[in-house]
Structures are given as C-alpha cells and as structure tokens.
C-alpha cells in the first residue's frame, strides 16, 4: 500500500458553515440570510481547499 493520502474533502466544511450560518442567523432574527451567508462562506472554503489540494500535484 502506498504512503499517499487521498484528496481532501470540503463537504464537511460546507455543511458546518451552513449550520453555523443558520444558528448565527437565527440569533440575529434572520435565519434565511444566515443560511445563504453560510453557503457562500462554505463554498469559498471548499473551493480554497480543493485548489490547495490540486496544487500539491498527483498523489
């Protein structure tokens, strides 16, 4: 078996950002805005992780 790691997964970070955004939005009285903000932040983090993983080259 090779000593290589598989590609990183950003799905967990996306889901976490959505949930945190919903909670923060609920506290501020705007849960829909919180979810949408969480989606935006989560996508940005997931894409950044994907780009970092891709830049490391083949495994």
C-alpha atoms as a PDB file:
ATOM      1  CA  UNK A   1       0.000   0.000   0.000  1.00  0.00           C
ATOM      2  CA  UNK A   2       1.373   3.410  -0.916  1.00  0.00           C
ATOM      3  CA  UNK A   3       2.084   6.114   1.674  1.00  0.00           C
ATOM      4  CA  UNK A   4      -0.237   8.581  -0.031  1.00  0.00           C
ATOM      5  CA  UNK A   5      -3.172  10.445   1.388  1.00  0.00           C
ATOM      6  CA  UNK A   6      -6.394  10.707  -0.563  1.00  0.00           C
ATOM      7  CA  UNK A   7      -7.735  14.047  -1.700  1.00  0.00           C
ATOM      8  CA  UNK A   8      -9.150  16.318   0.970  1.00  0.00           C
ATOM      9  CA  UNK A   9     -12.919  16.617   1.217  1.00  0.00           C
ATOM     10  CA  UNK A  10     -14.570  20.000   1.622  1.00  0.00           C
ATOM     11  CA  UNK A  11     -18.119  18.731   2.108  1.00  0.00           C
ATOM     12  CA  UNK A  12     -17.800  18.678   5.875  1.00  0.00           C
ATOM     13  CA  UNK A  13     -16.643  22.289   5.916  1.00  0.00           C
ATOM     14  CA  UNK A  14     -19.507  23.296   3.640  1.00  0.00           C
ATOM     15  CA  UNK A  15     -22.085  21.610   5.891  1.00  0.00           C
ATOM     16  CA  UNK A  16     -20.510  23.104   9.014  1.00  0.00           C
ATOM     17  CA  UNK A  17     -20.575  26.622   7.555  1.00  0.00           C
ATOM     18  CA  UNK A  18     -24.237  26.247   6.604  1.00  0.00           C
ATOM     19  CA  UNK A  19     -25.177  25.085  10.095  1.00  0.00           C
ATOM     20  CA  UNK A  20     -23.163  27.812  11.817  1.00  0.00           C
ATOM     21  CA  UNK A  21     -24.657  30.406   9.486  1.00  0.00           C
ATOM     22  CA  UNK A  22     -28.166  29.185  10.311  1.00  0.00           C
ATOM     23  CA  UNK A  23     -27.505  29.398  14.045  1.00  0.00           C
ATOM     24  CA  UNK A  24     -25.975  32.875  13.807  1.00  0.00           C
ATOM     25  CA  UNK A  25     -28.812  33.990  11.543  1.00  0.00           C
ATOM     26  CA  UNK A  26     -31.402  32.647  13.969  1.00  0.00           C
ATOM     27  CA  UNK A  27     -29.787  34.515  16.860  1.00  0.00           C
ATOM     28  CA  UNK A  28     -29.929  37.712  14.806  1.00  0.00           C
ATOM     29  CA  UNK A  29     -33.515  37.064  13.678  1.00  0.00           C
ATOM     30  CA  UNK A  30     -32.655  36.275  10.034  1.00  0.00           C
ATOM     31  CA  UNK A  31     -32.122  32.501   9.639  1.00  0.00           C
ATOM     32  CA  UNK A  32     -32.507  32.576   5.834  1.00  0.00           C
ATOM     33  CA  UNK A  33     -29.790  35.206   5.494  1.00  0.00           C
ATOM     34  CA  UNK A  34     -27.575  33.148   7.808  1.00  0.00           C
ATOM     35  CA  UNK A  35     -28.011  30.021   5.689  1.00  0.00           C
ATOM     36  CA  UNK A  36     -27.239  31.906   2.484  1.00  0.00           C
ATOM     37  CA  UNK A  37     -24.157  33.501   4.075  1.00  0.00           C
ATOM     38  CA  UNK A  38     -23.090  30.073   5.352  1.00  0.00           C
ATOM     39  CA  UNK A  39     -23.448  28.616   1.855  1.00  0.00           C
ATOM     40  CA  UNK A  40     -21.296  31.404   0.421  1.00  0.00           C
ATOM     41  CA  UNK A  41     -18.577  31.036   3.041  1.00  0.00           C
ATOM     42  CA  UNK A  42     -18.712  27.242   2.831  1.00  0.00           C
ATOM     43  CA  UNK A  43     -18.329  27.229  -0.937  1.00  0.00           C
ATOM     44  CA  UNK A  44     -15.391  29.627  -0.690  1.00  0.00           C
ATOM     45  CA  UNK A  45     -13.675  27.424   1.911  1.00  0.00           C
ATOM     46  CA  UNK A  46     -14.362  24.216  -0.041  1.00  0.00           C
ATOM     47  CA  UNK A  47     -13.017  25.721  -3.280  1.00  0.00           C
ATOM     48  CA  UNK A  48      -9.919  27.016  -1.466  1.00  0.00           C
ATOM     49  CA  UNK A  49      -9.301  23.546  -0.026  1.00  0.00           C
ATOM     50  CA  UNK A  50      -9.793  21.973  -3.465  1.00  0.00           C
ATOM     51  CA  UNK A  51      -7.362  24.419  -5.077  1.00  0.00           C
ATOM     52  CA  UNK A  52      -4.772  23.785  -2.341  1.00  0.00           C
ATOM     53  CA  UNK A  53      -5.145  20.034  -2.758  1.00  0.00           C
ATOM     54  CA  UNK A  54      -4.934  20.317  -6.551  1.00  0.00           C
ATOM     55  CA  UNK A  55      -1.771  22.471  -6.370  1.00  0.00           C
ATOM     56  CA  UNK A  56       0.018  19.714  -4.440  1.00  0.00           C
ATOM     57  CA  UNK A  57       0.043  17.616  -7.595  1.00  0.00           C
ATOM     58  CA  UNK A  58      -0.701  13.945  -8.154  1.00  0.00           C
ATOM     59  CA  UNK A  59      -0.610  11.644  -5.194  1.00  0.00           C
END
